[in-house]
Amino acid sequence: MTQRLNAAMLSYTQVAVRIATTLLYTPILVGSLGQEGYGLFSIVGALAAYFYMIDFGMNDGVMRFFVRHENTPNERRSFLKQMLGFYAGLGVLVVGATFAIHGLAPLLFGASLTAPQVALLQDMILAVGAGAAVMVAFNPLGALLSAMERFVFLRSLEIFTALASTLLTVVLLWQGFGALMVVMVMSGALVFQVIARLLYIVLYLKIPVGWAWPGWSRLKPVALYAAPIFVSILVEQIYWKLDNLIIGAVLGAAPVALYAIGTTFNKHLMSFGTAISRIMAPEIIRQADSDADAPALNRLLIRISRLQALFLLLVISGLALFGARFIDLWLGPDYGLAYTILLVVLIPYTLELIGNARNILLQVRNLYWHRSLMILAIACLNIPLTIVLLNLWGVVGAAVSTGIGLLLGYTAVAILLQLKLGLDMGHYFRELARGLVLVLALCVPVGLALNHWMIGGWTGLFLCIALYTPLYAGLMLVLGMNPYERGLVRRVLTKLVPGLAARWT
């Protein structure tokens, strides 16, 4: 439990670091690249997400094998070699996909981008593809470390890499380098993480690393476990990345920048939402594999979802209350439309993230295909709806389409849990809302008043946040949390402030 608690603290530290670097780094990036340059950068980011998909969602299946064989190290080491051999082949596929997209770029974007922009985009595709190929090829190393619950090392490495790569990028931007350099640094950071994980496993954990080709009997259970996960990853890319490509092809690079800014916080919100579920993933797998009954699984999901909600509700309520003021100060009035996009997309996405631990449960109980097919059908309907609404309302229409799809998918999965696993979703939602809705009902009016009456500028925004955050935290501690959650807060504060336990009342 101590390892998980330390990892949770580091995970939220990592989220805080990402948010802080985003706040400081994005204006520099937008200012250096310009709106169109930032739009190209966002298009490449969307394409990179599809390169990472070439692991076909198998990494979760690999992690599950490692967890199930934690007491048979020889079996686990043999499996690691076989998966590294198989993933090396996937890395080659990434290289092939990179050159294919490089060649197709003029056909896909030639109508909305100038010839120099297309040429730059092609160079950026090659750079991002190189980093993606290395990352995919060594994905089993990350799965092994997660299964062994080496979260402190993983989170520390990610925090260091994020800070170092951001600092290096800023220095190079000031030296006059452009978008291609930014992508090259990002790819270099991925390669650095791979090397660090490899050295940690070989030198510290003393686990030998090699390459072998797995037989179908070894690969089949992982592939079957991964197939619906891959479909879900595809759906996520339709929601979060395909819009950028459609907007770029229809409207050009500059509108992509607006949409990208509006959805830029989704990755940070996702970091908040997955910090707990990623740490608890091995425990969820153990309980599900041990045939725990429906009430026990319901209690586990409620416990994890409430912990996620405590953080997510603070973030999304703060963005809703102070987001317009923040974006105007952060990037200027030209990006005001991004606030509307932010709200339309992130409010339904918050609901999905609060309950995302259920996805692990569905995977282990072999029900993930049901979820995957349902949300795939919704996402496919979302594509023509996006094009229609994009022509009606511009980039806001694309956001509305995504928000509708997220809500429909969330509702469909709740029904699936009720019907197939026997979970009492009414009880789940009542327990999830217990205390939390009351605190929000008390906090939001105060936040609206602060936003209306507070002075302008960064000083006013910081004062709003400085007053709203402790109000939210204090009311949650007194009215929103249950005894288990207060106990976790006590343990965290005691670790941060030694001797606090003796004074805790």
Protein backbone atom coordinates (compact mmCIF):
# COMPACT_ATOMS: atom_id res chain seq x y z
CA MET A 1 0.00 0.00 0.00
CA THR A 2 2.91 2.35 0.78
CA GLN A 3 4.33 1.77 -2.72
CA ARG A 4 0.93 2.59 -4.24
CA LEU A 5 0.51 5.67 -2.06
CA ASN A 6 3.97 6.96 -3.02
CA ALA A 7 3.17 6.23 -6.66
CA ALA A 8 -0.14 8.06 -6.41
CA MET A 9 1.58 11.11 -4.94
CA LEU A 10 4.18 11.01 -7.72
CA SER A 11 1.46 10.56 -10.34
CA TYR A 12 -0.30 13.72 -9.24
CA THR A 13 3.05 15.48 -9.03
CA GLN A 14 3.59 14.42 -12.62
CA VAL A 15 0.19 15.81 -13.60
CA ALA A 16 1.01 19.08 -11.84
CA VAL A 17 4.34 19.26 -13.67
CA ARG A 18 2.63 18.62 -17.01
CA ILE A 19 0.06 21.32 -16.39
CA ALA A 20 2.70 23.80 -15.23
CA THR A 21 4.89 23.14 -18.26
CA THR A 22 1.86 23.39 -20.56
CA LEU A 23 0.89 26.75 -19.08
CA LEU A 24 4.39 28.14 -19.48
CA TYR A 25 5.37 26.31 -22.66
CA THR A 26 2.31 26.62 -24.90
CA PRO A 27 2.37 30.45 -25.23
CA ILE A 28 6.06 30.23 -26.13
CA LEU A 29 5.33 27.47 -28.67
CA VAL A 30 2.35 29.28 -30.20
CA GLY A 31 4.25 32.57 -30.28
CA SER A 32 7.29 30.99 -31.92
CA LEU A 33 5.45 28.83 -34.46
CA GLY A 34 2.44 31.08 -35.12
CA GLN A 35 -1.13 29.86 -35.41
CA GLU A 36 -0.52 27.99 -38.66
CA GLY A 37 2.73 26.44 -37.42
CA TYR A 38 1.02 25.30 -34.26
CA GLY A 39 -1.75 23.87 -36.41
CA LEU A 40 0.81 21.78 -38.34
CA PHE A 41 2.29 20.64 -35.04
CA SER A 42 -1.19 19.53 -33.91
CA ILE A 43 -1.77 17.63 -37.17
CA VAL A 44 1.50 15.73 -36.65
CA GLY A 45 0.50 14.99 -33.08
CA ALA A 46 -2.72 13.47 -34.36
CA LEU A 47 -0.84 11.32 -36.85
CA ALA A 48 1.62 10.21 -34.15
CA ALA A 49 -1.28 8.87 -32.10
CA TYR A 50 -2.14 6.53 -34.98
CA PHE A 51 1.47 5.30 -35.13
CA TYR A 52 1.30 4.34 -31.45
CA MET A 53 -1.85 2.36 -32.19
CA ILE A 54 0.20 -0.16 -34.15
CA ASP A 55 0.79 -2.11 -30.92
CA PHE A 56 -2.89 -3.04 -31.48
CA GLY A 57 -3.75 -2.61 -27.80
CA MET A 58 -1.71 -5.66 -26.82
CA ASN A 59 0.24 -3.93 -24.05
CA ASP A 60 -2.59 -4.41 -21.53
CA GLY A 61 -2.68 -8.11 -22.37
CA VAL A 62 1.08 -8.31 -21.88
CA MET A 63 0.78 -6.63 -18.48
CA ARG A 64 -1.97 -9.04 -17.45
CA PHE A 65 0.30 -12.01 -18.26
CA PHE A 66 3.09 -10.48 -16.17
CA VAL A 67 0.70 -9.96 -13.22
CA ARG A 68 -0.67 -13.51 -13.41
CA HIS A 69 2.87 -14.97 -13.46
CA GLU A 70 4.43 -12.75 -10.82
CA ASN A 71 5.39 -15.87 -8.81
CA THR A 72 7.01 -17.67 -11.74
CA PRO A 73 9.91 -15.43 -12.78
CA ASN A 74 11.34 -17.83 -15.36
CA GLU A 75 8.02 -17.95 -17.19
CA ARG A 76 7.79 -14.18 -17.08
CA ARG A 77 11.32 -13.72 -18.43
CA SER A 78 10.68 -16.11 -21.30
CA PHE A 79 7.48 -14.24 -22.13
CA LEU A 80 9.33 -10.89 -22.04
CA LYS A 81 11.81 -12.09 -24.67
CA GLN A 82 9.03 -13.36 -26.90
CA MET A 83 7.06 -10.13 -26.62
CA LEU A 84 10.15 -8.03 -27.36
CA GLY A 85 10.64 -10.10 -30.51
CA PHE A 86 7.03 -9.64 -31.55
CA TYR A 87 7.02 -5.91 -30.75
CA ALA A 88 10.21 -5.45 -32.77
CA GLY A 89 8.10 -6.54 -35.73
CA LEU A 90 5.46 -3.99 -34.78
CA GLY A 91 8.18 -1.34 -34.71
CA VAL A 92 8.98 -2.21 -38.33
CA LEU A 93 5.28 -1.75 -39.14
CA VAL A 94 5.44 1.73 -37.63
CA VAL A 95 8.35 2.56 -39.92
CA GLY A 96 6.33 1.36 -42.91
CA ALA A 97 3.29 3.39 -41.85
CA THR A 98 5.50 6.45 -41.42
CA PHE A 99 6.74 6.31 -45.00
CA ALA A 100 3.24 5.60 -46.29
CA ILE A 101 1.76 8.68 -44.56
CA HIS A 102 4.79 10.72 -45.67
CA GLY A 103 4.00 9.85 -49.28
CA LEU A 104 0.26 10.48 -48.92
CA ALA A 105 0.59 13.87 -47.19
CA PRO A 106 0.38 15.96 -50.42
CA LEU A 107 -2.79 14.10 -51.45
CA LEU A 108 -4.43 14.41 -48.00
CA PHE A 109 -3.53 18.02 -47.21
CA GLY A 110 -2.54 19.59 -50.51
CA ALA A 111 -5.94 21.26 -50.96
CA SER A 112 -5.78 23.21 -47.68
CA LEU A 113 -2.03 23.66 -47.10
CA THR A 114 0.60 25.44 -49.17
CA ALA A 115 3.45 23.51 -50.78
CA PRO A 116 6.05 24.65 -48.16
CA GLN A 117 3.65 23.65 -45.37
CA VAL A 118 3.17 20.19 -46.90
CA ALA A 119 6.97 19.75 -47.21
CA LEU A 120 7.46 20.74 -43.57
CA LEU A 121 4.66 18.41 -42.52
CA GLN A 122 6.36 15.51 -44.34
CA ASP A 123 9.65 16.13 -42.51
CA MET A 124 7.82 16.25 -39.18
CA ILE A 125 6.06 12.97 -39.97
CA LEU A 126 9.44 11.25 -40.47
CA ALA A 127 10.73 12.61 -37.17
CA VAL A 128 7.71 11.59 -35.13
CA GLY A 129 7.58 8.18 -36.81
CA ALA A 130 11.15 7.40 -35.76
CA GLY A 131 10.37 8.03 -32.08
CA ALA A 132 7.11 6.08 -32.29
CA ALA A 133 8.86 3.07 -33.84
CA VAL A 134 11.36 2.82 -30.98
CA MET A 135 8.68 3.34 -28.31
CA VAL A 136 6.38 0.67 -29.76
CA ALA A 137 9.24 -1.82 -30.20
CA PHE A 138 10.07 -1.66 -26.47
CA ASN A 139 6.54 -1.34 -25.06
CA PRO A 140 6.80 -4.65 -23.13
CA LEU A 141 9.39 -3.07 -20.84
CA GLY A 142 6.82 -0.57 -19.58
CA ALA A 143 4.23 -3.33 -19.17
CA LEU A 144 6.65 -5.37 -17.07
CA LEU A 145 7.51 -2.43 -14.80
CA SER A 146 3.82 -1.61 -14.33
CA ALA A 147 3.02 -5.24 -13.49
CA MET A 148 5.84 -5.22 -10.93
CA GLU A 149 4.34 -1.96 -9.55
CA ARG A 150 7.57 -0.02 -10.11
CA PHE A 151 5.46 3.10 -10.40
CA VAL A 152 7.87 5.34 -8.48
CA PHE A 153 10.60 4.76 -11.07
CA LEU A 154 8.20 5.12 -14.00
CA ARG A 155 6.64 8.35 -12.75
CA SER A 156 10.01 9.85 -11.74
CA LEU A 157 11.43 9.07 -15.18
CA GLU A 158 8.43 10.62 -16.92
CA ILE A 159 8.61 13.77 -14.78
CA PHE A 160 12.34 14.22 -15.47
CA THR A 161 11.92 13.61 -19.20
CA ALA A 162 9.02 16.07 -19.47
CA LEU A 163 10.95 18.83 -17.69
CA ALA A 164 14.21 18.25 -19.56
CA SER A 165 12.63 18.01 -23.02
CA THR A 166 10.49 21.11 -22.43
CA LEU A 167 13.49 23.14 -21.26
CA LEU A 168 15.56 22.00 -24.24
CA THR A 169 12.74 22.85 -26.65
CA VAL A 170 12.32 26.35 -25.21
CA VAL A 171 16.06 27.02 -25.51
CA LEU A 172 16.09 25.84 -29.14
CA LEU A 173 12.99 27.90 -29.97
CA TRP A 174 14.76 30.97 -28.64
CA GLN A 175 17.69 30.06 -30.91
CA GLY A 176 15.34 30.32 -33.89
CA PHE A 177 14.54 26.68 -34.59
CA GLY A 178 11.00 25.77 -35.67
CA ALA A 179 8.34 23.08 -35.62
CA LEU A 180 10.56 20.31 -37.00
CA MET A 181 12.96 20.74 -34.09
CA VAL A 182 10.09 20.51 -31.59
CA VAL A 183 9.04 17.15 -33.00
CA MET A 184 12.63 15.89 -33.04
CA VAL A 185 13.06 16.71 -29.35
CA MET A 186 9.79 14.93 -28.55
CA SER A 187 10.98 11.82 -30.37
CA GLY A 188 14.35 12.01 -28.66
CA ALA A 189 12.62 12.12 -25.28
CA LEU A 190 10.76 8.89 -26.09
CA VAL A 191 14.01 7.16 -27.05
CA PHE A 192 15.61 8.35 -23.80
CA GLN A 193 12.77 6.84 -21.76
CA VAL A 194 13.16 3.52 -23.57
CA ILE A 195 16.91 3.43 -22.83
CA ALA A 196 16.33 4.31 -19.15
CA ARG A 197 13.72 1.56 -18.73
CA LEU A 198 16.00 -0.96 -20.40
CA LEU A 199 18.96 -0.08 -18.14
CA TYR A 200 16.75 -0.20 -15.02
CA ILE A 201 15.46 -3.67 -15.88
CA VAL A 202 18.85 -5.12 -16.82
CA LEU A 203 21.12 -3.44 -14.26
CA TYR A 204 18.84 -2.87 -11.25
CA LEU A 205 16.23 -5.61 -11.48
CA LYS A 206 18.75 -8.08 -12.95
CA ILE A 207 16.26 -9.33 -15.53
CA PRO A 208 17.93 -10.49 -18.75
CA VAL A 209 16.56 -9.03 -21.97
CA GLY A 210 16.54 -10.85 -25.27
CA TRP A 211 14.49 -11.35 -28.39
CA ALA A 212 12.61 -14.43 -29.52
CA TRP A 213 9.59 -15.04 -31.73
CA PRO A 214 6.49 -16.28 -29.91
CA GLY A 215 4.47 -19.18 -31.21
CA TRP A 216 0.78 -18.70 -31.94
CA SER A 217 -0.16 -20.61 -28.77
CA ARG A 218 1.63 -17.92 -26.75
CA LEU A 219 0.43 -15.01 -28.83
CA LYS A 220 -3.22 -16.04 -29.18
CA PRO A 221 -4.45 -15.30 -25.62
CA VAL A 222 -2.70 -11.92 -25.63
CA ALA A 223 -4.16 -11.07 -29.04
CA LEU A 224 -7.68 -12.10 -28.01
CA TYR A 225 -7.40 -10.03 -24.84
CA ALA A 226 -6.04 -7.07 -26.80
CA ALA A 227 -8.41 -7.03 -29.78
CA PRO A 228 -11.29 -5.16 -28.11
CA ILE A 229 -8.79 -2.84 -26.42
CA PHE A 230 -7.43 -1.95 -29.84
CA VAL A 231 -10.94 -1.12 -31.03
CA SER A 232 -11.37 1.19 -28.02
CA ILE A 233 -8.03 2.87 -28.73
CA LEU A 234 -9.19 3.39 -32.32
CA VAL A 235 -12.38 5.00 -31.00
CA GLU A 236 -10.37 7.33 -28.76
CA GLN A 237 -8.32 8.44 -31.74
CA ILE A 238 -11.51 9.11 -33.70
CA TYR A 239 -12.73 11.34 -30.87
CA TRP A 240 -9.47 13.15 -30.08
CA LYS A 241 -7.28 13.06 -33.16
CA LEU A 242 -9.41 12.55 -36.27
CA ASP A 243 -11.16 15.88 -35.69
CA ASN A 244 -7.78 17.62 -36.07
CA LEU A 245 -7.21 15.86 -39.38
CA ILE A 246 -10.72 16.58 -40.68
CA ILE A 247 -10.49 20.25 -39.67
CA GLY A 248 -7.05 20.49 -41.28
CA ALA A 249 -8.28 18.94 -44.52
CA VAL A 250 -11.49 21.03 -44.66
CA LEU A 251 -10.57 24.39 -43.09
CA GLY A 252 -6.75 24.54 -43.03
CA ALA A 253 -4.05 24.74 -40.35
CA ALA A 254 -5.17 27.82 -38.36
CA PRO A 255 -8.57 26.40 -37.25
CA VAL A 256 -6.77 23.26 -36.11
CA ALA A 257 -4.81 25.41 -33.68
CA LEU A 258 -8.06 26.73 -32.15
CA TYR A 259 -9.48 23.25 -31.75
CA ALA A 260 -6.20 21.88 -30.40
CA ILE A 261 -6.06 24.58 -27.72
CA GLY A 262 -9.67 23.85 -26.75
CA THR A 263 -8.93 20.15 -26.30
CA THR A 264 -5.36 20.47 -25.00
CA PHE A 265 -6.49 19.95 -21.42
CA ASN A 266 -8.10 16.60 -22.20
CA LYS A 267 -4.71 14.87 -21.86
CA HIS A 268 -4.16 16.51 -18.48
CA LEU A 269 -7.66 15.62 -17.39
CA MET A 270 -6.97 12.08 -18.54
CA SER A 271 -3.78 12.08 -16.45
CA PHE A 272 -5.81 13.00 -13.36
CA GLY A 273 -8.42 10.39 -14.22
CA THR A 274 -6.02 7.51 -14.89
CA ALA A 275 -3.47 8.19 -12.13
CA ILE A 276 -5.41 6.06 -9.63
CA SER A 277 -6.78 3.44 -12.03
CA ARG A 278 -3.31 2.75 -13.49
CA ILE A 279 -1.90 2.16 -10.02
CA MET A 280 -4.87 0.00 -9.03
CA ALA A 281 -4.85 -1.98 -12.29
CA PRO A 282 -2.94 -4.99 -10.88
CA GLU A 283 -5.35 -5.16 -7.90
CA ILE A 284 -8.41 -4.96 -10.19
CA ILE A 285 -6.95 -7.76 -12.31
CA ARG A 286 -6.32 -9.91 -9.23
CA GLN A 287 -9.86 -9.47 -7.89
CA ALA A 288 -11.50 -10.06 -11.25
CA ASP A 289 -9.37 -13.14 -11.91
CA SER A 290 -10.24 -14.51 -8.45
CA ASP A 291 -13.95 -14.50 -9.34
CA ALA A 292 -14.94 -11.81 -6.85
CA ASP A 293 -18.72 -11.41 -6.75
CA ALA A 294 -20.68 -8.43 -8.13
CA PRO A 295 -21.06 -6.56 -4.79
CA ALA A 296 -17.30 -6.78 -4.15
CA LEU A 297 -16.51 -5.48 -7.63
CA ASN A 298 -19.10 -2.73 -7.20
CA ARG A 299 -17.42 -1.62 -3.96
CA LEU A 300 -14.01 -1.60 -5.65
CA LEU A 301 -15.25 0.51 -8.56
CA ILE A 302 -17.00 2.94 -6.21
CA ARG A 303 -13.85 3.34 -4.12
CA ILE A 304 -11.63 4.03 -7.15
CA SER A 305 -14.18 6.26 -8.91
CA ARG A 306 -14.66 8.45 -5.85
CA LEU A 307 -10.91 8.97 -5.47
CA GLN A 308 -10.71 9.99 -9.12
CA ALA A 309 -13.75 12.26 -8.79
CA LEU A 310 -12.22 14.18 -5.86
CA PHE A 311 -9.48 15.47 -8.16
CA LEU A 312 -11.36 15.63 -11.44
CA LEU A 313 -14.26 17.68 -10.10
CA LEU A 314 -11.83 20.30 -8.78
CA VAL A 315 -10.13 20.55 -12.17
CA ILE A 316 -13.24 20.62 -14.36
CA SER A 317 -15.18 22.99 -12.09
CA GLY A 318 -12.18 25.33 -11.99
CA LEU A 319 -11.87 25.26 -15.78
CA ALA A 320 -15.60 25.88 -16.19
CA LEU A 321 -15.57 28.81 -13.78
CA PHE A 322 -12.30 30.51 -14.67
CA GLY A 323 -11.39 29.02 -18.07
CA ALA A 324 -12.53 31.96 -20.22
CA ARG A 325 -10.54 34.41 -18.13
CA PHE A 326 -7.52 32.11 -18.22
CA ILE A 327 -7.47 31.54 -22.01
CA ASP A 328 -7.82 35.27 -22.68
CA LEU A 329 -4.81 36.00 -20.46
CA TRP A 330 -2.85 32.95 -21.59
CA LEU A 331 -3.07 33.23 -25.37
CA GLY A 332 -5.12 36.35 -26.09
CA PRO A 333 -8.63 37.11 -27.38
CA ASP A 334 -7.96 35.37 -30.72
CA TYR A 335 -8.32 32.04 -28.88
CA GLY A 336 -11.52 32.87 -26.99
CA LEU A 337 -13.48 30.27 -28.94
CA ALA A 338 -11.28 27.59 -27.39
CA TYR A 339 -13.13 28.03 -24.07
CA THR A 340 -16.41 26.94 -25.63
CA ILE A 341 -14.71 23.92 -27.19
CA LEU A 342 -13.15 23.09 -23.82
CA LEU A 343 -16.47 23.02 -21.99
CA VAL A 344 -18.42 21.14 -24.65
CA VAL A 345 -15.84 18.34 -24.80
CA LEU A 346 -14.38 18.07 -21.30
CA ILE A 347 -17.57 18.00 -19.20
CA PRO A 348 -18.81 14.70 -20.71
CA TYR A 349 -15.23 13.41 -20.83
CA THR A 350 -14.97 13.94 -17.06
CA LEU A 351 -17.80 11.46 -16.51
CA GLU A 352 -15.99 8.87 -18.60
CA LEU A 353 -12.71 9.36 -16.73
CA ILE A 354 -14.29 9.12 -13.28
CA GLY A 355 -15.45 5.60 -14.11
CA ASN A 356 -12.60 4.38 -16.30
CA ALA A 357 -11.54 1.63 -13.86
CA ARG A 358 -14.51 -0.34 -15.18
CA ASN A 359 -12.65 -0.83 -18.45
CA ILE A 360 -10.02 -3.00 -16.75
CA LEU A 361 -12.78 -5.06 -15.18
CA LEU A 362 -14.47 -5.57 -18.54
CA GLN A 363 -11.15 -6.62 -20.08
CA VAL A 364 -10.48 -9.28 -17.47
CA ARG A 365 -14.05 -10.64 -17.57
CA ASN A 366 -13.87 -10.95 -21.38
CA LEU A 367 -16.63 -8.41 -21.90
CA TYR A 368 -14.57 -5.65 -23.44
CA TRP A 369 -15.72 -6.62 -26.92
CA HIS A 370 -19.23 -5.50 -25.99
CA ARG A 371 -17.99 -2.06 -24.94
CA SER A 372 -15.66 -1.77 -27.91
CA LEU A 373 -18.31 -2.57 -30.49
CA MET A 374 -20.85 -0.22 -28.91
CA ILE A 375 -18.52 2.76 -28.77
CA LEU A 376 -17.09 1.93 -32.21
CA ALA A 377 -20.59 2.15 -33.68
CA ILE A 378 -21.12 5.48 -31.90
CA ALA A 379 -17.74 6.78 -33.09
CA CYS A 380 -18.44 5.80 -36.70
CA LEU A 381 -21.70 7.74 -36.57
CA ASN A 382 -19.71 10.57 -35.03
CA ILE A 383 -17.56 11.02 -38.15
CA PRO A 384 -20.34 12.16 -40.55
CA LEU A 385 -21.94 14.13 -37.70
CA THR A 386 -18.62 15.94 -37.21
CA ILE A 387 -18.46 16.88 -40.90
CA VAL A 388 -22.07 18.13 -40.88
CA LEU A 389 -21.67 20.18 -37.70
CA LEU A 390 -18.26 21.42 -38.82
CA ASN A 391 -19.87 22.98 -41.88
CA LEU A 392 -22.71 24.43 -39.76
CA TRP A 393 -20.86 25.76 -36.69
CA GLY A 394 -17.16 25.51 -37.54
CA VAL A 395 -14.78 24.03 -34.96
CA VAL A 396 -17.44 24.27 -32.23
CA GLY A 397 -19.54 21.84 -34.27
CA ALA A 398 -16.73 19.28 -34.16
CA ALA A 399 -16.61 19.67 -30.37
CA VAL A 400 -20.40 19.21 -30.05
CA SER A 401 -20.22 16.01 -32.07
CA THR A 402 -17.46 14.64 -29.81
CA GLY A 403 -19.37 15.56 -26.66
CA ILE A 404 -22.51 13.77 -27.88
CA GLY A 405 -20.51 10.65 -28.69
CA LEU A 406 -18.86 10.60 -25.26
CA LEU A 407 -22.20 10.85 -23.44
CA LEU A 408 -23.78 8.10 -25.52
CA GLY A 409 -20.80 5.81 -24.95
CA TYR A 410 -20.78 6.43 -21.20
CA THR A 411 -24.48 5.58 -20.94
CA ALA A 412 -24.12 2.43 -23.06
CA VAL A 413 -21.28 1.05 -20.91
CA ALA A 414 -23.23 1.68 -17.69
CA ILE A 415 -26.07 -0.43 -19.10
CA LEU A 416 -23.55 -3.12 -20.10
CA LEU A 417 -22.15 -3.33 -16.55
CA GLN A 418 -25.66 -3.69 -15.16
CA LEU A 419 -26.79 -6.39 -17.61
CA LYS A 420 -23.64 -8.50 -18.07
CA LEU A 421 -21.83 -8.25 -14.72
CA GLY A 422 -24.82 -7.73 -12.45
CA LEU A 423 -23.40 -4.53 -10.98
CA ASP A 424 -25.96 -2.28 -9.31
CA MET A 425 -25.28 0.89 -11.27
CA GLY A 426 -27.98 2.80 -9.40
CA HIS A 427 -26.11 2.07 -6.17
CA TYR A 428 -22.81 2.97 -7.90
CA PHE A 429 -24.09 6.40 -8.98
CA ARG A 430 -25.69 7.12 -5.59
CA GLU A 431 -22.50 6.28 -3.72
CA LEU A 432 -20.39 8.18 -6.24
CA ALA A 433 -22.51 11.30 -5.82
CA ARG A 434 -22.76 11.05 -2.01
CA GLY A 435 -21.28 14.22 -0.57
CA LEU A 436 -19.58 15.27 -3.82
CA VAL A 437 -22.64 16.85 -5.43
CA LEU A 438 -23.37 18.77 -2.24
CA VAL A 439 -19.85 20.22 -2.18
CA LEU A 440 -20.10 21.25 -5.84
CA ALA A 441 -23.47 22.89 -5.18
CA LEU A 442 -21.83 24.97 -2.44
CA CYS A 443 -18.63 25.78 -4.33
CA VAL A 444 -19.93 26.75 -7.77
CA PRO A 445 -21.94 29.81 -6.66
CA VAL A 446 -18.92 31.07 -4.74
CA GLY A 447 -16.75 30.51 -7.81
CA LEU A 448 -19.19 32.43 -10.01
CA ALA A 449 -19.15 35.32 -7.56
CA LEU A 450 -15.35 35.32 -7.46
CA ASN A 451 -15.15 35.31 -11.25
CA HIS A 452 -17.64 38.19 -11.50
CA TRP A 453 -16.29 40.48 -8.80
CA MET A 454 -12.56 39.74 -8.81
CA ILE A 455 -10.14 42.20 -10.36
CA GLY A 456 -8.77 41.48 -13.84
CA GLY A 457 -5.36 40.30 -15.00
CA TRP A 458 -3.24 37.41 -13.78
CA THR A 459 -3.46 38.66 -10.21
CA GLY A 460 -7.24 38.33 -10.25
CA LEU A 461 -7.06 34.85 -11.78
CA PHE A 462 -4.53 33.66 -9.19
CA LEU A 463 -6.69 35.06 -6.41
CA CYS A 464 -9.74 33.22 -7.78
CA ILE A 465 -7.80 29.95 -7.83
CA ALA A 466 -6.20 30.60 -4.44
CA LEU A 467 -9.60 31.17 -2.83
CA TYR A 468 -11.56 28.50 -4.70
CA THR A 469 -9.12 25.60 -4.23
CA PRO A 470 -8.95 25.61 -0.41
CA LEU A 471 -12.71 26.18 -0.26
CA TYR A 472 -13.25 23.07 -2.40
CA ALA A 473 -10.67 21.03 -0.47
CA GLY A 474 -12.01 22.07 2.93
CA LEU A 475 -15.63 21.32 2.08
CA MET A 476 -14.67 17.99 0.55
CA LEU A 477 -12.75 17.03 3.69
CA VAL A 478 -15.64 17.98 5.97
CA LEU A 479 -18.73 17.16 3.89
CA GLY A 480 -17.72 15.20 0.80
CA MET A 481 -15.28 12.47 1.86
CA ASN A 482 -16.07 9.22 3.62
CA PRO A 483 -13.89 7.84 6.47
CA TYR A 484 -11.72 5.79 4.09
CA GLU A 485 -10.93 8.85 1.97
CA ARG A 486 -10.18 10.99 5.01
CA GLY A 487 -7.80 8.27 6.17
CA LEU A 488 -5.93 8.45 2.87
CA VAL A 489 -5.67 12.23 3.18
CA ARG A 490 -4.30 11.77 6.68
CA ARG A 491 -1.66 9.32 5.45
CA VAL A 492 -0.59 11.62 2.60
CA LEU A 493 -0.35 14.68 4.86
CA THR A 494 1.52 12.70 7.49
CA LYS A 495 4.10 11.67 4.88
CA LEU A 496 4.45 15.28 3.76
CA VAL A 497 4.47 16.74 7.30
CA PRO A 498 6.07 14.29 9.77
CA GLY A 499 4.42 14.35 13.16
CA LEU A 500 1.07 15.50 11.79
CA ALA A 501 -0.62 12.25 12.83
CA ALA A 502 -0.19 13.14 16.48
CA ARG A 503 -1.98 16.43 15.96
CA TRP A 504 -4.73 15.06 13.67
CA THR A 505 -8.19 15.34 15.13
